[in-house]
Structures are given as C-alpha cells and as structure tokens.
Protein backbone atom coordinates (compact mmCIF):
# COMPACT_ATOMS: atom_id res chain seq x y z
CA UNK A 1 0.22 0.08 -0.34
CA UNK A 2 2.56 2.20 1.15
CA UNK A 3 5.10 1.69 -1.92
CA UNK A 4 2.77 2.62 -4.29
CA UNK A 5 1.21 5.55 -3.21
CA UNK A 6 4.77 6.07 -2.35
CA UNK A 7 5.34 6.05 -6.14
CA UNK A 8 2.19 7.85 -7.91
CA UNK A 9 3.12 11.03 -4.89
CA UNK A 10 6.58 10.93 -6.60
CA UNK A 11 5.80 10.23 -10.16
CA UNK A 12 3.84 12.81 -10.11
CA UNK A 13 5.55 14.94 -8.62
CA UNK A 14 4.16 15.34 -5.50
CA UNK A 15 8.16 15.25 -3.42
CA UNK A 16 6.39 16.59 0.41
CA UNK A 17 3.92 14.31 0.46
CA UNK A 18 5.58 11.39 -0.51
CA UNK A 19 8.05 12.55 2.73
CA UNK A 20 5.59 12.78 4.75
CA UNK A 21 4.39 9.26 4.01
CA UNK A 22 7.94 7.76 4.62
CA UNK A 23 7.45 9.98 7.89
CA UNK A 24 3.79 8.12 9.05
CA UNK A 25 4.79 4.90 8.05
CA UNK A 26 8.40 5.67 10.02
CA UNK A 27 7.34 7.05 12.57
CA UNK A 28 10.82 9.23 13.08
CA UNK A 29 10.31 12.77 13.32
CA UNK A 30 12.52 14.11 10.47
CA UNK A 31 12.07 13.28 6.81
CA UNK A 32 14.70 14.77 4.60
CA UNK A 33 15.73 15.42 1.46
CA UNK A 34 19.32 16.80 1.21
CA UNK A 35 21.35 17.96 -1.90
CA UNK A 36 25.06 17.71 -1.06
CA UNK A 37 28.16 20.80 -1.79
CA UNK A 38 31.31 21.28 -1.50
CA UNK A 39 31.26 22.23 2.22
CA UNK A 40 26.65 21.75 2.57
CA UNK A 41 24.46 19.96 3.00
CA UNK A 42 21.36 21.38 1.65
CA UNK A 43 18.56 21.34 3.02
CA UNK A 44 16.18 21.51 -0.52
CA UNK A 45 13.05 19.68 1.80
CA UNK A 46 12.22 19.00 5.08
CA UNK A 47 8.95 17.92 7.36
CA UNK A 48 8.88 17.60 10.99
CA UNK A 49 6.29 15.72 12.29
CA UNK A 50 6.34 18.44 15.87
CA UNK A 51 5.62 21.32 12.75
CA UNK A 52 9.03 23.72 14.70
CA UNK A 53 9.55 25.88 12.02
CA UNK A 54 12.31 27.65 13.91
CA UNK A 55 14.42 23.74 13.74
CA UNK A 56 18.03 24.07 12.73
CA UNK A 57 17.50 21.62 10.10
CA UNK A 58 15.46 23.20 7.99
CA UNK A 59 19.29 25.75 6.98
CA UNK A 60 22.30 23.78 5.28
CA UNK A 61 24.88 21.93 7.16
CA UNK A 62 28.06 22.41 6.99
CA UNK A 63 29.16 18.34 6.01
CA UNK A 64 31.97 17.58 8.67
CA UNK A 65 28.47 18.56 11.42
CA UNK A 66 26.12 16.13 9.35
CA UNK A 67 25.71 11.46 8.39
CA UNK A 68 24.91 12.30 5.04
CA UNK A 69 28.46 12.33 3.86
CA UNK A 70 29.47 8.74 4.88
CA UNK A 71 26.72 7.62 2.68
CA UNK A 72 27.67 5.64 0.37
CA UNK A 73 26.35 5.04 -3.62
CA UNK A 74 25.45 2.13 -2.54
CA UNK A 75 24.48 1.04 1.29
CA UNK A 76 21.51 2.73 3.67
CA UNK A 77 23.17 4.62 6.99
CA UNK A 78 21.11 3.97 9.71
CA UNK A 79 22.25 5.14 12.92
CA UNK A 80 20.06 3.86 15.39
CA UNK A 81 21.88 5.33 19.18
CA UNK A 82 25.21 7.74 17.81
CA UNK A 83 25.97 8.48 21.23
CA UNK A 84 26.63 4.96 21.97
CA UNK A 85 28.20 4.17 18.17
CA UNK A 86 31.68 3.53 17.74
CA UNK A 87 31.61 5.10 14.53
CA UNK A 88 30.36 8.52 15.29
CA UNK A 89 32.69 8.51 18.48
CA UNK A 90 33.61 11.93 17.19
CA UNK A 91 31.17 13.25 15.83
CA UNK A 92 29.44 16.64 17.28
CA UNK A 93 25.74 15.82 16.88
CA UNK A 94 25.80 12.28 17.74
CA UNK A 95 24.40 13.65 21.53
CA UNK A 96 21.96 15.65 19.79
CA UNK A 97 20.60 13.83 16.14
CA UNK A 98 20.79 9.91 18.21
CA UNK A 99 18.78 7.91 15.22
CA UNK A 100 19.93 8.48 11.51
CA UNK A 101 18.72 6.27 8.11
CA UNK A 102 19.11 7.63 4.82
CA UNK A 103 20.07 5.88 1.25
CA UNK A 104 22.48 7.93 -1.13
CA UNK A 105 20.90 9.35 -4.53
CA UNK A 106 22.18 8.71 -7.46
CA UNK A 107 22.73 10.63 -11.00
CA UNK A 108 22.82 8.29 -13.83
CA UNK A 109 26.20 7.84 -13.70
CA UNK A 110 25.83 6.68 -9.97
CA UNK A 111 27.69 9.65 -8.72
CA UNK A 112 26.26 11.25 -5.76
CA UNK A 113 24.02 14.51 -6.15
CA UNK A 114 22.49 13.93 -2.42
CA UNK A 115 20.57 12.00 0.37
CA UNK A 116 16.37 11.03 1.40
CA UNK A 117 17.41 10.88 5.20
CA UNK A 118 15.17 10.60 8.61
CA UNK A 119 16.49 10.92 12.15
CA UNK A 120 15.23 11.59 15.14
CA UNK A 121 16.66 13.76 18.73
CA UNK A 122 16.02 10.57 20.84
CA UNK A 123 16.91 6.34 19.82
CA UNK A 124 15.32 4.81 17.19
CA UNK A 125 14.92 1.76 15.60
CA UNK A 126 14.95 1.37 11.27
CA UNK A 127 12.49 -1.44 9.81
CA UNK A 128 12.96 -3.17 6.74
CA UNK A 129 10.54 -2.16 5.33
CA UNK A 130 10.61 1.46 6.54
CA UNK A 131 14.13 1.37 4.12
CA UNK A 132 12.72 -0.36 1.92
CA UNK A 133 10.58 2.32 0.58
CA UNK A 134 13.33 4.64 1.59
CA UNK A 135 15.21 3.06 -1.80
CA UNK A 136 12.11 2.63 -3.74
CA UNK A 137 11.68 5.91 -3.87
CA UNK A 138 15.56 6.48 -3.52
CA UNK A 139 15.24 5.52 -6.69
CA UNK A 140 13.02 7.19 -8.76
CA UNK A 141 14.64 11.29 -7.91
CA UNK A 142 17.20 12.00 -9.98
CA UNK A 143 18.69 15.83 -9.26
CA UNK A 144 16.37 17.59 -12.38
CA UNK A 145 13.69 16.59 -9.59
CA UNK A 146 15.32 18.19 -5.95
CA UNK A 147 15.79 21.28 -8.30
CA UNK A 148 14.76 24.96 -7.77
CA UNK A 149 11.71 24.32 -9.97
CA UNK A 150 9.97 20.74 -8.12
CA UNK A 151 10.68 23.89 -4.91
CA UNK A 152 8.98 26.25 -6.25
CA UNK A 153 6.17 24.52 -7.08
CA UNK A 154 6.28 22.59 -3.31
CA UNK A 155 5.39 25.96 -1.80
CA UNK A 156 3.02 27.02 -4.65
CA UNK A 157 1.11 24.08 -3.60
CA UNK A 158 1.15 24.97 0.33
CA UNK A 159 -0.07 28.88 -0.99
CA UNK A 160 -2.81 27.49 -2.27
CA UNK A 161 -4.03 25.64 0.21
CA UNK A 162 -3.27 28.89 2.41
CA UNK A 163 -5.92 30.41 0.06
CA UNK A 164 -8.63 27.52 0.82
CA UNK A 165 -7.97 27.87 4.26
CA UNK A 166 -8.86 31.95 4.47
CA UNK A 167 -13.16 30.86 4.27
CA UNK A 168 -12.03 28.35 7.10
CA UNK A 169 -9.60 31.31 8.55
CA UNK A 170 -12.56 33.33 8.80
CA UNK A 171 -15.27 31.22 9.78
CA UNK A 172 -13.30 30.36 13.30
CA UNK A 173 -12.32 33.70 13.85
CA UNK A 174 -13.48 36.59 16.64
CA UNK A 175 -12.66 39.61 14.05
CA UNK A 176 -11.08 40.70 11.79
CA UNK A 177 -7.61 41.84 13.75
CA UNK A 178 -8.32 37.54 14.40
CA UNK A 179 -7.80 36.48 11.16
CA UNK A 180 -5.66 38.52 9.90
CA UNK A 181 -3.44 37.01 12.95
CA UNK A 182 -4.23 32.88 12.58
CA UNK A 183 -3.47 33.34 8.30
CA UNK A 184 0.01 35.06 9.80
CA UNK A 185 1.03 32.13 12.14
CA UNK A 186 0.84 29.95 9.08
CA UNK A 187 1.50 31.87 5.75
CA UNK A 188 5.62 33.61 7.75
CA UNK A 189 6.81 30.35 7.62
CA UNK A 190 5.80 30.14 4.14
CA UNK A 191 7.71 33.30 3.55
CA UNK A 192 10.13 32.81 5.71
CA UNK A 193 11.01 29.61 3.41
CA UNK A 194 10.50 31.57 0.34
CA UNK A 195 13.36 33.98 1.07
CA UNK A 196 15.70 31.28 2.39
CA UNK A 197 14.49 28.92 0.00
CA UNK A 198 14.02 30.33 -3.93
CA UNK A 199 15.82 33.05 -5.77
CA UNK A 200 14.84 36.57 -5.11
CA UNK A 201 11.97 36.93 -7.60
CA UNK A 202 10.58 33.59 -7.24
CA UNK A 203 9.96 34.64 -3.71
CA UNK A 204 9.11 38.47 -4.17
CA UNK A 205 6.13 36.29 -6.88
CA UNK A 206 5.59 33.98 -3.46
CA UNK A 207 5.70 36.98 -1.14
CA UNK A 208 3.24 39.11 -4.05
CA UNK A 209 0.77 36.31 -3.15
CA UNK A 210 -0.01 35.31 -0.06
CA UNK A 211 -0.41 39.42 0.25
CA UNK A 212 -2.56 38.96 -2.19
CA UNK A 213 -4.49 36.44 -0.21
CA UNK A 214 -4.85 38.33 2.51
CA UNK A 215 -5.41 41.91 1.24
CA UNK A 216 -9.22 39.73 0.04
CA UNK A 217 -9.51 37.99 3.87
CA UNK A 218 -9.93 42.18 5.27
CA UNK A 219 -12.12 42.41 2.38
CA UNK A 220 -13.96 39.83 3.33
CA UNK A 221 -14.15 41.07 6.61
CA UNK A 222 -15.32 44.62 6.07
CA UNK A 223 -17.48 43.58 3.78
C-alpha cells in the first residue's frame, strides 16, 4: 500500500506528500531530502512531525556536521543510537541527532548528489519496511527533480492550500484582527522559507501572492 502511494506521489511531483508518507510510516520526527555540495548539505525539503519552524535542520549544514556525507552509493546508512555508535565517537552531533537512516540519491552515472534521510533526537530502530520504501523513493529521484523548480512548485501548492483555508479562518475568527493573526501564523513560515530557499524573483512572487490573499481576507472581513 505505502509503496504504490509513494511511487504515485513522486511521479506526480508531490515530493512533500511523499516525504510526509515516509514520515508517517517510519515514526521518525524528521524526514528530508538534502543535496550535497562541496562544503554543505543543502536542505531541499524537510518534514518535521512536530511542525517547529525554528528547527536548525531547515538551514544548510556544513558537511562535517552531518551524517549524510558518510552514505555510500549502494548502501543505506543506519544509526540507531549515535551516542553509543563507535563510528561517531568524535562527531559533534552524536548526542543531538541520536537516530538516523538514509539512502543516497544518484545521477544516472552513479554520482551521489544527495541523500534521502530520516532522523530523530531520540534513539530509534529502523525497520526493513522503512528502508525498502526509502530505496524505492530514492531510486525515483534525480537531480533535475530535486531542483529549484520543484521547490517553487511545492511552495506554490502550499500557498494554494493557504488560500483555500481563508474561508475557514474567517468563519472561526472572532473579528478581523483575529483572522489576520491566524492567517499570519500560517503565512509567516511560508514567506520565510521562500525568502531563504528560492531565488529573489521567485521569493518576491510568492510574497506578492500571499499579500494578495491576505488583502482579500481583509476585504472579506470588512464586507
């Protein structure tokens, strides 16, 4: 069941939905795709089960501070408790990111360009079913998919959902001020992410879309 859903989501370009499905199945707090650069692991997309926008893992991370760069091209990396793992005795984050599993993302020629990973701040065992699903998704991803175009599409879909929510927000609010406060609570993280993860032009377009939705909500409350 999970495999068919996962394959369909990836093939249709709904990468966040695919990550959310993995997150549900695995029980890990974080599920993410990182692109590996020369010096940093770039956060392409991350799902946080606890939905905390301030998590440090949304930023690009120096490679030597990640577990990602230890992933080999044909193997999954599984760490069930980093604090007692002999491979990580000198790693700075072994007491912070306690559990981790990942599979490499490969170009057609076998070059590693990123990782699909799941991790947690508490120790956690990784099931074979989780690894099977991660390998399935990892095998479908190429660098042209893990790109700014898809990141923009993902943010646009989330702005669409925010727009669809305005009626519910309006009906559930005591007054216009309350409605705007609730709207901004959802819009703020989207605007921040667009500014951090998209080119300037794309970021401004997302901001303009959200401003337009906000103005429509204001006018609705006035009317």
